[in-house]
Structure formats: C-alpha cells, structure tokens
C-alpha cells in the first residue's frame, strides 16, 4: 500500500504535515539534488541512512520553511528530524495559549530556555521563525555551542538567540539561569539511554526490526529515525532519561518563581510513573502530559508549573 500524502498525527500548525515536496526543496537548496532518487513506490525520496543526504534535507527544510539560510553541523553530531522538533514547539505554544484565553503569545516577551540546545540548535531556529520568541540555549558541550554560535552569526540572530555553556555536568538550571532572570518556558530533549552500550544495543534492535519491516514491504528505503547521529551527551547519561528528568524536576523547584512552565520530552512511557512521583515530591502546582505521535513513534511532553493561573499571568 502506498503511503498517505499527509502525516495527520503531526500538530495542525506543523508545516511538515504533507509529504516532502522534493522538487520544491531542490529549488530552494540545489545541494539536495544529488541525494534525491525514486523509491520503491516511484516517489522522490532520499537514502535516510546517508548522513550527508539527511543533512542536505534538513538544510533545505530550514531554508524553505524557516528562512535559515546557513545551517551545518560537525560530523557525528545529532542531525534531528525537523517535523518532530517542530511539533514540540507547537504543543508548548498551545500550552502558553491556555493562560492567554486560547491565544498563543508571540514576540520577544516570551523567553524560552532550551536545555541541551546542541550543535544543531533546531528548537531556537524554529521557535524564532514561527513565534518570534527569544531563546537561551544551554549545553555542556563547548564544541556544540561553538557550532551553534556560527549558525546564530551566519543568520543574524544574535538579538533573538543567546548561548550559554553549562560548566557543571551535574547541574541543569544552576549556573545557566541568572539571579532574578525570568523565563516563560524551559524545554528539553533529554538523553535517552543510560550508557553507550545501551545506545548501541538500541540502534542494533532498530536495525533488526527495520530489516524485517523492509523485507515485508519489499523496499530498500531506510528509516529516517535511524541516522541522526549524536555525541555522548546527546544520546546517554548515567541513569538515562529517567534519572536526567528526575534531576531536572528536583532542581526546577529552586527556580519555581523564575519560570512559568518547565517542560521536557519523555520518550519512554515506562518512565512516566517515576516522573510523576518526582513532581509530587517537589509539590508542583499543576502537571500536564501532552501526547505526540510522529509516524510509528510515540512520545509525550510533560509540563509542570509551581505557579497558579494569576501568578503565571503576572510573571
């Protein structure tokens, strides 16, 4: 059966609900052209196992939809799937809209802290273009931040995006959020695995599953979710996602009056009970879980606040 033309599970405002128009993308970015070929269905596509092809696709998408004219990442750094990253931003925009009579606030008055901004800096780039928000991106990787700063400079975004090095790997907000500084949102795509071995085993399982899937379909097309690279800090930390998010929740209590909403992606549904326990322990005033779906991948955003509605409106 031929794939549907729409990705209906994506957020209604997501610009990538339709299948990629490779002719239009090539018109925007000619560097993509060498990587586009016909798949088993006779449709234009790319080999998603080819890191250079995936990067060229991202460059074209960012240029066409978000007016990001210059974007690059060093080898072996995370090359994220843009539709899913855009979804996170649209859903947290709706979260802010709840406090503003259903109207999503736009402009520089909304300040967002991206924990683990990475070399790719995808969230700030999309958030600035879609909503005009201001961003601070933090990371423990100085090389990643150097690359992110090159993207900022090349696209004249220094007034919209600031970058900060987290010098303490054991800290998340401490050392990044300044005394008296206020944020509307924090966001984070936490490390998924607990160790390098776990990350490698997870990739092997995906490839085995993909082999069965392709054999059933009779296609040599590979999945885009398997070739986004990643440095150690991007992929794993001790204790994995559960430990990282639990530490984030614990530390967020210290900044309860400096941020309206704290948010994070949760990839593993099995981690939700421990996340909710951690939120109960810090006496979060309100907790919201937002389900997301990109193709076969299911994930969710967990958002929490220590402020009531009137306090959130005043911050």
C-alpha atoms as a PDB file:
ATOM      1  CA  UNK A   1       0.000   0.000   0.000  1.00  0.00           C
ATOM      2  CA  UNK A   2       1.341   3.431  -0.923  1.00  0.00           C
ATOM      3  CA  UNK A   3       1.924   5.849   1.984  1.00  0.00           C
ATOM      4  CA  UNK A   4      -0.652   8.550   2.629  1.00  0.00           C
ATOM      5  CA  UNK A   5       0.165  12.069   1.470  1.00  0.00           C
ATOM      6  CA  UNK A   6      -0.359  13.591   4.907  1.00  0.00           C
ATOM      7  CA  UNK A   7       1.236  12.960   8.284  1.00  0.00           C
ATOM      8  CA  UNK A   8      -2.034  13.533  10.123  1.00  0.00           C
ATOM      9  CA  UNK A   9      -0.582  12.769  13.556  1.00  0.00           C
ATOM     10  CA  UNK A  10       1.518  15.925  13.462  1.00  0.00           C
ATOM     11  CA  UNK A  11       0.283  19.127  15.107  1.00  0.00           C
ATOM     12  CA  UNK A  12      -2.209  21.069  12.920  1.00  0.00           C
ATOM     13  CA  UNK A  13       0.195  24.036  12.623  1.00  0.00           C
ATOM     14  CA  UNK A  14       3.171  21.852  11.736  1.00  0.00           C
ATOM     15  CA  UNK A  15       4.461  22.887   8.300  1.00  0.00           C
ATOM     16  CA  UNK A  16       5.544  19.304   7.570  1.00  0.00           C
ATOM     17  CA  UNK A  17       2.197  17.510   7.617  1.00  0.00           C
ATOM     18  CA  UNK A  18       2.424  16.941   3.854  1.00  0.00           C
ATOM     19  CA  UNK A  19       4.962  14.585   2.347  1.00  0.00           C
ATOM     20  CA  UNK A  20       8.176  16.291   1.319  1.00  0.00           C
ATOM     21  CA  UNK A  21       7.970  18.140  -1.998  1.00  0.00           C
ATOM     22  CA  UNK A  22      11.459  17.335  -3.214  1.00  0.00           C
ATOM     23  CA  UNK A  23      11.117  19.395  -6.390  1.00  0.00           C
ATOM     24  CA  UNK A  24      10.367  22.498  -4.323  1.00  0.00           C
ATOM     25  CA  UNK A  25      13.105  21.667  -1.825  1.00  0.00           C
ATOM     26  CA  UNK A  26      15.668  21.317  -4.606  1.00  0.00           C
ATOM     27  CA  UNK A  27      14.571  24.671  -5.997  1.00  0.00           C
ATOM     28  CA  UNK A  28      15.305  26.118  -2.564  1.00  0.00           C
ATOM     29  CA  UNK A  29      18.546  24.230  -1.994  1.00  0.00           C
ATOM     30  CA  UNK A  30      20.290  22.738  -5.018  1.00  0.00           C
ATOM     31  CA  UNK A  31      22.701  20.854  -2.728  1.00  0.00           C
ATOM     32  CA  UNK A  32      19.898  18.371  -2.024  1.00  0.00           C
ATOM     33  CA  UNK A  33      19.542  17.318  -5.682  1.00  0.00           C
ATOM     34  CA  UNK A  34      22.316  14.662  -5.820  1.00  0.00           C
ATOM     35  CA  UNK A  35      20.688  12.730  -2.979  1.00  0.00           C
ATOM     36  CA  UNK A  36      17.137  12.547  -4.344  1.00  0.00           C
ATOM     37  CA  UNK A  37      16.091   9.352  -6.117  1.00  0.00           C
ATOM     38  CA  UNK A  38      12.939   7.330  -6.768  1.00  0.00           C
ATOM     39  CA  UNK A  39      11.911   4.882  -4.053  1.00  0.00           C
ATOM     40  CA  UNK A  40      10.087   1.562  -4.447  1.00  0.00           C
ATOM     41  CA  UNK A  41       6.805   3.399  -4.960  1.00  0.00           C
ATOM     42  CA  UNK A  42       8.209   5.588  -7.719  1.00  0.00           C
ATOM     43  CA  UNK A  43       8.221   8.640  -5.466  1.00  0.00           C
ATOM     44  CA  UNK A  44      11.123  11.014  -4.937  1.00  0.00           C
ATOM     45  CA  UNK A  45      12.961  10.368  -1.681  1.00  0.00           C
ATOM     46  CA  UNK A  46      16.453  10.187  -0.182  1.00  0.00           C
ATOM     47  CA  UNK A  47      18.501   7.410   1.382  1.00  0.00           C
ATOM     48  CA  UNK A  48      17.932   8.183   5.059  1.00  0.00           C
ATOM     49  CA  UNK A  49      20.905   6.007   6.022  1.00  0.00           C
ATOM     50  CA  UNK A  50      23.195   8.524   4.303  1.00  0.00           C
ATOM     51  CA  UNK A  51      24.231  11.182   6.832  1.00  0.00           C
ATOM     52  CA  UNK A  52      25.040  13.712   4.118  1.00  0.00           C
ATOM     53  CA  UNK A  53      21.647  13.208   2.498  1.00  0.00           C
ATOM     54  CA  UNK A  54      19.842  13.744   5.804  1.00  0.00           C
ATOM     55  CA  UNK A  55      21.848  16.897   6.468  1.00  0.00           C
ATOM     56  CA  UNK A  56      21.121  18.218   2.976  1.00  0.00           C
ATOM     57  CA  UNK A  57      17.411  17.577   3.548  1.00  0.00           C
ATOM     58  CA  UNK A  58      17.492  19.481   6.835  1.00  0.00           C
ATOM     59  CA  UNK A  59      19.312  22.372   5.212  1.00  0.00           C
ATOM     60  CA  UNK A  60      16.637  22.559   2.512  1.00  0.00           C
ATOM     61  CA  UNK A  61      13.755  22.334   5.012  1.00  0.00           C
ATOM     62  CA  UNK A  62      15.228  25.021   7.247  1.00  0.00           C
ATOM     63  CA  UNK A  63      15.836  27.299   4.291  1.00  0.00           C
ATOM     64  CA  UNK A  64      12.432  26.805   2.665  1.00  0.00           C
ATOM     65  CA  UNK A  65      10.192  26.906   5.730  1.00  0.00           C
ATOM     66  CA  UNK A  66      12.143  28.915   8.313  1.00  0.00           C
ATOM     67  CA  UNK A  67      14.380  31.260   6.303  1.00  0.00           C
ATOM     68  CA  UNK A  68      17.510  29.743   7.849  1.00  0.00           C
ATOM     69  CA  UNK A  69      19.947  30.375   5.038  1.00  0.00           C
ATOM     70  CA  UNK A  70      23.055  28.843   6.637  1.00  0.00           C
ATOM     71  CA  UNK A  71      22.976  25.669   8.739  1.00  0.00           C
ATOM     72  CA  UNK A  72      25.552  22.967   9.285  1.00  0.00           C
ATOM     73  CA  UNK A  73      26.706  20.565  11.996  1.00  0.00           C
ATOM     74  CA  UNK A  74      30.021  18.811  12.628  1.00  0.00           C
ATOM     75  CA  UNK A  75      30.336  15.124  11.783  1.00  0.00           C
ATOM     76  CA  UNK A  76      28.792  12.723  14.319  1.00  0.00           C
ATOM     77  CA  UNK A  77      26.595  15.368  15.920  1.00  0.00           C
ATOM     78  CA  UNK A  78      22.841  14.935  16.184  1.00  0.00           C
ATOM     79  CA  UNK A  79      21.009  15.710  12.931  1.00  0.00           C
ATOM     80  CA  UNK A  80      17.415  15.869  14.154  1.00  0.00           C
ATOM     81  CA  UNK A  81      14.184  15.070  12.305  1.00  0.00           C
ATOM     82  CA  UNK A  82      12.678  18.516  11.874  1.00  0.00           C
ATOM     83  CA  UNK A  83       8.940  17.629  11.796  1.00  0.00           C
ATOM     84  CA  UNK A  84       9.077  16.111  15.281  1.00  0.00           C
ATOM     85  CA  UNK A  85      11.094  19.001  16.679  1.00  0.00           C
ATOM     86  CA  UNK A  86       8.566  21.457  15.281  1.00  0.00           C
ATOM     87  CA  UNK A  87       5.767  19.502  16.966  1.00  0.00           C
ATOM     88  CA  UNK A  88       7.278  20.060  20.421  1.00  0.00           C
ATOM     89  CA  UNK A  89       7.305  23.816  19.856  1.00  0.00           C
ATOM     90  CA  UNK A  90       3.733  23.950  18.560  1.00  0.00           C
ATOM     91  CA  UNK A  91       2.399  21.962  21.503  1.00  0.00           C
ATOM     92  CA  UNK A  92       4.126  24.104  24.110  1.00  0.00           C
ATOM     93  CA  UNK A  93       2.866  27.168  22.243  1.00  0.00           C
ATOM     94  CA  UNK A  94      -0.642  25.793  22.842  1.00  0.00           C
ATOM     95  CA  UNK A  95       0.291  25.303  26.488  1.00  0.00           C
ATOM     96  CA  UNK A  96       1.066  29.018  26.768  1.00  0.00           C
ATOM     97  CA  UNK A  97      -2.188  29.781  24.984  1.00  0.00           C
ATOM     98  CA  UNK A  98      -4.101  28.178  27.849  1.00  0.00           C
ATOM     99  CA  UNK A  99      -3.036  31.099  30.046  1.00  0.00           C
ATOM    100  CA  UNK A 100      -3.985  33.660  27.390  1.00  0.00           C
ATOM    101  CA  UNK A 101      -7.604  32.790  26.550  1.00  0.00           C
ATOM    102  CA  UNK A 102      -6.512  30.294  23.924  1.00  0.00           C
ATOM    103  CA  UNK A 103      -4.325  32.766  22.023  1.00  0.00           C
ATOM    104  CA  UNK A 104      -0.690  31.717  21.590  1.00  0.00           C
ATOM    105  CA  UNK A 105       1.566  34.574  22.751  1.00  0.00           C
ATOM    106  CA  UNK A 106       4.090  35.698  20.189  1.00  0.00           C
ATOM    107  CA  UNK A 107       7.053  38.035  20.162  1.00  0.00           C
ATOM    108  CA  UNK A 108      10.095  38.743  22.277  1.00  0.00           C
ATOM    109  CA  UNK A 109       8.169  38.871  25.556  1.00  0.00           C
ATOM    110  CA  UNK A 110       8.208  35.054  25.512  1.00  0.00           C
ATOM    111  CA  UNK A 111      11.612  33.836  26.709  1.00  0.00           C
ATOM    112  CA  UNK A 112      12.474  30.159  26.303  1.00  0.00           C
ATOM    113  CA  UNK A 113      15.379  28.210  27.807  1.00  0.00           C
ATOM    114  CA  UNK A 114      16.456  25.201  25.715  1.00  0.00           C
ATOM    115  CA  UNK A 115      18.380  22.739  27.882  1.00  0.00           C
ATOM    116  CA  UNK A 116      20.790  20.779  25.677  1.00  0.00           C
ATOM    117  CA  UNK A 117      20.486  23.042  22.654  1.00  0.00           C
ATOM    118  CA  UNK A 118      23.142  21.049  20.790  1.00  0.00           C
ATOM    119  CA  UNK A 119      25.198  21.899  17.743  1.00  0.00           C
ATOM    120  CA  UNK A 120      22.062  21.810  15.563  1.00  0.00           C
ATOM    121  CA  UNK A 121      20.096  24.427  17.582  1.00  0.00           C
ATOM    122  CA  UNK A 122      16.857  23.315  15.932  1.00  0.00           C
ATOM    123  CA  UNK A 123      14.391  24.416  18.613  1.00  0.00           C
ATOM    124  CA  UNK A 124      15.510  28.066  18.761  1.00  0.00           C
ATOM    125  CA  UNK A 125      15.654  28.333  14.966  1.00  0.00           C
ATOM    126  CA  UNK A 126      12.089  27.100  14.534  1.00  0.00           C
ATOM    127  CA  UNK A 127      10.757  28.938  17.574  1.00  0.00           C
ATOM    128  CA  UNK A 128      12.157  32.282  16.472  1.00  0.00           C
ATOM    129  CA  UNK A 129      10.717  31.957  12.965  1.00  0.00           C
ATOM    130  CA  UNK A 130       7.323  30.557  13.983  1.00  0.00           C
ATOM    131  CA  UNK A 131       6.559  32.665  17.039  1.00  0.00           C
ATOM    132  CA  UNK A 132       9.183  35.405  17.336  1.00  0.00           C
ATOM    133  CA  UNK A 133      10.204  34.112  20.777  1.00  0.00           C
ATOM    134  CA  UNK A 134      13.547  34.852  22.422  1.00  0.00           C
ATOM    135  CA  UNK A 135      15.766  31.870  23.248  1.00  0.00           C
ATOM    136  CA  UNK A 136      18.628  30.993  25.532  1.00  0.00           C
ATOM    137  CA  UNK A 137      20.316  27.723  24.572  1.00  0.00           C
ATOM    138  CA  UNK A 138      22.437  25.894  27.139  1.00  0.00           C
ATOM    139  CA  UNK A 139      24.747  22.918  26.700  1.00  0.00           C
ATOM    140  CA  UNK A 140      27.682  21.208  28.419  1.00  0.00           C
ATOM    141  CA  UNK A 141      29.489  20.721  25.086  1.00  0.00           C
ATOM    142  CA  UNK A 142      31.633  23.725  24.159  1.00  0.00           C
ATOM    143  CA  UNK A 143      32.194  22.444  20.602  1.00  0.00           C
ATOM    144  CA  UNK A 144      28.445  22.128  20.075  1.00  0.00           C
ATOM    145  CA  UNK A 145      27.940  25.695  21.295  1.00  0.00           C
ATOM    146  CA  UNK A 146      30.707  26.966  19.014  1.00  0.00           C
ATOM    147  CA  UNK A 147      28.871  25.490  16.039  1.00  0.00           C
ATOM    148  CA  UNK A 148      25.535  26.842  17.264  1.00  0.00           C
ATOM    149  CA  UNK A 149      27.071  30.301  17.576  1.00  0.00           C
ATOM    150  CA  UNK A 150      28.257  30.093  13.970  1.00  0.00           C
ATOM    151  CA  UNK A 151      24.647  29.410  12.939  1.00  0.00           C
ATOM    152  CA  UNK A 152      23.450  32.379  15.015  1.00  0.00           C
ATOM    153  CA  UNK A 153      26.022  34.688  13.454  1.00  0.00           C
ATOM    154  CA  UNK A 154      25.520  33.448   9.882  1.00  0.00           C
ATOM    155  CA  UNK A 155      21.766  34.072  10.108  1.00  0.00           C
ATOM    156  CA  UNK A 156      21.959  37.380  12.013  1.00  0.00           C
ATOM    157  CA  UNK A 157      20.064  36.004  15.006  1.00  0.00           C
ATOM    158  CA  UNK A 158      22.181  37.372  17.848  1.00  0.00           C
ATOM    159  CA  UNK A 159      19.299  39.537  19.070  1.00  0.00           C
ATOM    160  CA  UNK A 160      16.990  36.516  19.282  1.00  0.00           C
ATOM    161  CA  UNK A 161      19.249  33.662  20.444  1.00  0.00           C
ATOM    162  CA  UNK A 162      21.861  33.640  23.222  1.00  0.00           C
ATOM    163  CA  UNK A 163      24.016  30.634  24.107  1.00  0.00           C
ATOM    164  CA  UNK A 164      25.406  29.640  27.498  1.00  0.00           C
ATOM    165  CA  UNK A 165      27.880  26.943  28.495  1.00  0.00           C
ATOM    166  CA  UNK A 166      26.846  24.747  31.415  1.00  0.00           C
ATOM    167  CA  UNK A 167      30.161  24.230  33.180  1.00  0.00           C
ATOM    168  CA  UNK A 168      28.806  21.748  35.736  1.00  0.00           C
ATOM    169  CA  UNK A 169      27.685  18.441  34.170  1.00  0.00           C
ATOM    170  CA  UNK A 170      25.840  17.615  37.399  1.00  0.00           C
ATOM    171  CA  UNK A 171      23.669  20.739  37.120  1.00  0.00           C
ATOM    172  CA  UNK A 172      20.841  21.574  34.745  1.00  0.00           C
ATOM    173  CA  UNK A 173      19.443  25.022  35.575  1.00  0.00           C
ATOM    174  CA  UNK A 174      22.030  26.097  38.144  1.00  0.00           C
ATOM    175  CA  UNK A 175      24.730  28.209  36.513  1.00  0.00           C
ATOM    176  CA  UNK A 176      22.513  28.852  33.484  1.00  0.00           C
ATOM    177  CA  UNK A 177      19.528  30.744  34.903  1.00  0.00           C
ATOM    178  CA  UNK A 178      20.831  34.012  36.316  1.00  0.00           C
ATOM    179  CA  UNK A 179      19.724  35.605  39.562  1.00  0.00           C
ATOM    180  CA  UNK A 180      16.396  37.342  39.045  1.00  0.00           C
ATOM    181  CA  UNK A 181      16.115  36.191  35.412  1.00  0.00           C
ATOM    182  CA  UNK A 182      12.650  35.175  34.199  1.00  0.00           C
ATOM    183  CA  UNK A 183      11.652  32.589  31.591  1.00  0.00           C
ATOM    184  CA  UNK A 184       8.252  31.789  30.136  1.00  0.00           C
ATOM    185  CA  UNK A 185       9.249  28.223  29.257  1.00  0.00           C
ATOM    186  CA  UNK A 186      12.020  25.720  29.550  1.00  0.00           C
ATOM    187  CA  UNK A 187      12.277  22.820  27.124  1.00  0.00           C
ATOM    188  CA  UNK A 188      14.498  19.772  26.863  1.00  0.00           C
ATOM    189  CA  UNK A 189      15.036  16.656  24.773  1.00  0.00           C
ATOM    190  CA  UNK A 190      16.859  14.604  27.426  1.00  0.00           C
ATOM    191  CA  UNK A 191      19.435  11.883  26.794  1.00  0.00           C
ATOM    192  CA  UNK A 192      17.523   8.691  26.072  1.00  0.00           C
ATOM    193  CA  UNK A 193      19.922   5.923  27.077  1.00  0.00           C
ATOM    194  CA  UNK A 194      21.732   5.080  30.304  1.00  0.00           C
ATOM    195  CA  UNK A 195      25.068   4.162  28.696  1.00  0.00           C
ATOM    196  CA  UNK A 196      26.906   3.905  25.397  1.00  0.00           C
ATOM    197  CA  UNK A 197      26.241   0.160  25.423  1.00  0.00           C
ATOM    198  CA  UNK A 198      22.503   0.790  25.791  1.00  0.00           C
ATOM    199  CA  UNK A 199      22.595   3.274  22.912  1.00  0.00           C
ATOM    200  CA  UNK A 200      24.418   0.814  20.658  1.00  0.00           C
ATOM    201  CA  UNK A 201      22.058  -2.025  21.601  1.00  0.00           C
ATOM    202  CA  UNK A 202      19.055   0.178  20.898  1.00  0.00           C
ATOM    203  CA  UNK A 203      20.374   1.026  17.453  1.00  0.00           C
ATOM    204  CA  UNK A 204      21.013  -2.673  16.733  1.00  0.00           C
ATOM    205  CA  UNK A 205      17.433  -3.527  17.731  1.00  0.00           C
ATOM    206  CA  UNK A 206      16.100  -0.837  15.408  1.00  0.00           C
ATOM    207  CA  UNK A 207      18.138  -2.130  12.506  1.00  0.00           C
ATOM    208  CA  UNK A 208      16.940  -5.704  13.114  1.00  0.00           C
ATOM    209  CA  UNK A 209      13.349  -4.507  13.241  1.00  0.00           C
ATOM    210  CA  UNK A 210      13.882  -2.424  10.134  1.00  0.00           C
ATOM    211  CA  UNK A 211      15.208  -5.445   8.239  1.00  0.00           C
ATOM    212  CA  UNK A 212      12.012  -7.370   8.972  1.00  0.00           C
ATOM    213  CA  UNK A 213       9.889  -4.337   8.058  1.00  0.00           C
ATOM    214  CA  UNK A 214      11.655  -3.806   4.737  1.00  0.00           C
ATOM    215  CA  UNK A 215      11.521  -7.472   3.859  1.00  0.00           C
ATOM    216  CA  UNK A 216       7.766  -7.353   4.381  1.00  0.00           C
ATOM    217  CA  UNK A 217       7.421  -4.211   2.256  1.00  0.00           C
ATOM    218  CA  UNK A 218       9.899  -5.355  -0.379  1.00  0.00           C
ATOM    219  CA  UNK A 219      11.625  -1.949  -0.196  1.00  0.00           C
ATOM    220  CA  UNK A 220      15.208  -0.822   0.203  1.00  0.00           C
ATOM    221  CA  UNK A 221      14.168   2.511   1.695  1.00  0.00           C
ATOM    222  CA  UNK A 222      15.642   3.085   5.147  1.00  0.00           C
ATOM    223  CA  UNK A 223      14.042   4.836   8.081  1.00  0.00           C
ATOM    224  CA  UNK A 224      14.917   8.479   8.823  1.00  0.00           C
ATOM    225  CA  UNK A 225      14.856   7.815  12.566  1.00  0.00           C
ATOM    226  CA  UNK A 226      17.995   5.692  12.487  1.00  0.00           C
ATOM    227  CA  UNK A 227      20.563   8.079  11.136  1.00  0.00           C
ATOM    228  CA  UNK A 228      20.603  11.217  13.201  1.00  0.00           C
ATOM    229  CA  UNK A 229      23.990  10.577  14.833  1.00  0.00           C
ATOM    230  CA  UNK A 230      24.727  12.061  18.216  1.00  0.00           C
ATOM    231  CA  UNK A 231      27.554  12.703  20.620  1.00  0.00           C
ATOM    232  CA  UNK A 232      27.711  11.037  24.025  1.00  0.00           C
ATOM    233  CA  UNK A 233      25.950  13.848  25.895  1.00  0.00           C
ATOM    234  CA  UNK A 234      23.196  13.909  23.283  1.00  0.00           C
ATOM    235  CA  UNK A 235      22.440  10.195  23.472  1.00  0.00           C
ATOM    236  CA  UNK A 236      23.025   8.970  27.016  1.00  0.00           C
ATOM    237  CA  UNK A 237      23.781   9.811  30.626  1.00  0.00           C
ATOM    238  CA  UNK A 238      24.053   7.708  33.754  1.00  0.00           C
ATOM    239  CA  UNK A 239      20.569   6.506  34.611  1.00  0.00           C
ATOM    240  CA  UNK A 240      19.236   7.539  31.212  1.00  0.00           C
ATOM    241  CA  UNK A 241      16.125   9.606  30.628  1.00  0.00           C
ATOM    242  CA  UNK A 242      14.523   8.715  33.966  1.00  0.00           C
ATOM    243  CA  UNK A 243      17.481   9.918  36.041  1.00  0.00           C
ATOM    244  CA  UNK A 244      18.050  13.046  33.965  1.00  0.00           C
ATOM    245  CA  UNK A 245      14.423  14.173  34.125  1.00  0.00           C
ATOM    246  CA  UNK A 246      14.163  13.369  37.838  1.00  0.00           C
ATOM    247  CA  UNK A 247      17.214  15.574  38.478  1.00  0.00           C
ATOM    248  CA  UNK A 248      15.700  18.311  36.317  1.00  0.00           C
ATOM    249  CA  UNK A 249      12.460  18.210  38.286  1.00  0.00           C
ATOM    250  CA  UNK A 250      14.277  18.338  41.604  1.00  0.00           C
ATOM    251  CA  UNK A 251      16.363  21.321  40.512  1.00  0.00           C
ATOM    252  CA  UNK A 252      13.404  23.146  38.973  1.00  0.00           C
ATOM    253  CA  UNK A 253      11.966  23.728  42.450  1.00  0.00           C
ATOM    254  CA  UNK A 254      14.819  26.163  43.130  1.00  0.00           C
ATOM    255  CA  UNK A 255      13.640  28.293  40.186  1.00  0.00           C
ATOM    256  CA  UNK A 256       9.903  27.950  40.827  1.00  0.00           C
ATOM    257  CA  UNK A 257       9.298  31.711  40.709  1.00  0.00           C
ATOM    258  CA  UNK A 258      11.587  32.382  37.757  1.00  0.00           C
ATOM    259  CA  UNK A 259       9.805  30.265  35.169  1.00  0.00           C
ATOM    260  CA  UNK A 260       6.154  29.916  34.208  1.00  0.00           C
ATOM    261  CA  UNK A 261       6.323  26.398  32.735  1.00  0.00           C
ATOM    262  CA  UNK A 262       9.014  23.732  32.815  1.00  0.00           C
ATOM    263  CA  UNK A 263       8.724  21.112  30.054  1.00  0.00           C
ATOM    264  CA  UNK A 264      10.577  18.046  28.814  1.00  0.00           C
ATOM    265  CA  UNK A 265      10.126  15.318  26.264  1.00  0.00           C
ATOM    266  CA  UNK A 266       9.610  11.816  27.657  1.00  0.00           C
ATOM    267  CA  UNK A 267      10.355   9.125  25.085  1.00  0.00           C
ATOM    268  CA  UNK A 268       9.782   6.073  27.288  1.00  0.00           C
ATOM    269  CA  UNK A 269       6.248   5.733  28.610  1.00  0.00           C
ATOM    270  CA  UNK A 270       7.623   3.394  31.298  1.00  0.00           C
ATOM    271  CA  UNK A 271       9.409   6.400  32.847  1.00  0.00           C
ATOM    272  CA  UNK A 272       6.189   8.330  33.469  1.00  0.00           C
ATOM    273  CA  UNK A 273       5.394   6.886  36.933  1.00  0.00           C
ATOM    274  CA  UNK A 274       8.781   7.922  38.319  1.00  0.00           C
ATOM    275  CA  UNK A 275       8.433  11.340  36.665  1.00  0.00           C
ATOM    276  CA  UNK A 276       5.052  11.855  38.327  1.00  0.00           C
ATOM    277  CA  UNK A 277       6.465  10.755  41.690  1.00  0.00           C
ATOM    278  CA  UNK A 278       9.284  13.262  41.353  1.00  0.00           C
ATOM    279  CA  UNK A 279       6.795  16.024  40.514  1.00  0.00           C
ATOM    280  CA  UNK A 280       4.669  15.138  43.522  1.00  0.00           C
ATOM    281  CA  UNK A 281       7.759  15.254  45.729  1.00  0.00           C
ATOM    282  CA  UNK A 282       8.535  18.859  44.711  1.00  0.00           C
ATOM    283  CA  UNK A 283       4.878  19.885  45.088  1.00  0.00           C
ATOM    284  CA  UNK A 284       4.334  21.019  41.519  1.00  0.00           C
ATOM    285  CA  UNK A 285       1.109  23.041  41.379  1.00  0.00           C
ATOM    286  CA  UNK A 286      -0.032  21.659  38.018  1.00  0.00           C
ATOM    287  CA  UNK A 287       1.242  18.850  35.783  1.00  0.00           C
ATOM    288  CA  UNK A 288       0.167  18.349  32.157  1.00  0.00           C
ATOM    289  CA  UNK A 289       1.063  15.477  29.847  1.00  0.00           C
ATOM    290  CA  UNK A 290       0.775  16.113  26.107  1.00  0.00           C
ATOM    291  CA  UNK A 291       0.786  13.067  23.830  1.00  0.00           C
ATOM    292  CA  UNK A 292       2.589  13.311  20.487  1.00  0.00           C
ATOM    293  CA  UNK A 293       2.921  10.975  17.535  1.00  0.00           C
ATOM    294  CA  UNK A 294       5.241  11.096  14.531  1.00  0.00           C
ATOM    295  CA  UNK A 295       4.561   8.092  12.343  1.00  0.00           C
ATOM    296  CA  UNK A 296       5.061   4.955  14.443  1.00  0.00           C
ATOM    297  CA  UNK A 297       6.990   6.842  17.113  1.00  0.00           C
ATOM    298  CA  UNK A 298       5.039   7.801  20.218  1.00  0.00           C
ATOM    299  CA  UNK A 299       6.324  10.315  22.737  1.00  0.00           C
ATOM    300  CA  UNK A 300       4.971  12.922  25.075  1.00  0.00           C
ATOM    301  CA  UNK A 301       5.731  16.239  26.695  1.00  0.00           C
ATOM    302  CA  UNK A 302       5.462  16.556  30.456  1.00  0.00           C
ATOM    303  CA  UNK A 303       4.955  20.140  31.629  1.00  0.00           C
ATOM    304  CA  UNK A 304       4.826  21.402  35.188  1.00  0.00           C
ATOM    305  CA  UNK A 305       4.483  24.699  36.998  1.00  0.00           C
ATOM    306  CA  UNK A 306       4.741  25.876  40.599  1.00  0.00           C
ATOM    307  CA  UNK A 307       2.510  28.889  39.931  1.00  0.00           C
ATOM    308  CA  UNK A 308      -1.256  29.291  39.861  1.00  0.00           C
ATOM    309  CA  UNK A 309      -3.023  30.971  36.936  1.00  0.00           C
ATOM    310  CA  UNK A 310      -2.853  34.505  38.380  1.00  0.00           C
ATOM    311  CA  UNK A 311       0.820  34.120  39.256  1.00  0.00           C
ATOM    312  CA  UNK A 312       1.591  32.816  35.767  1.00  0.00           C
ATOM    313  CA  UNK A 313      -0.137  35.832  34.256  1.00  0.00           C
ATOM    314  CA  UNK A 314       1.914  38.190  36.401  1.00  0.00           C
ATOM    315  CA  UNK A 315       5.336  36.675  35.692  1.00  0.00           C
END
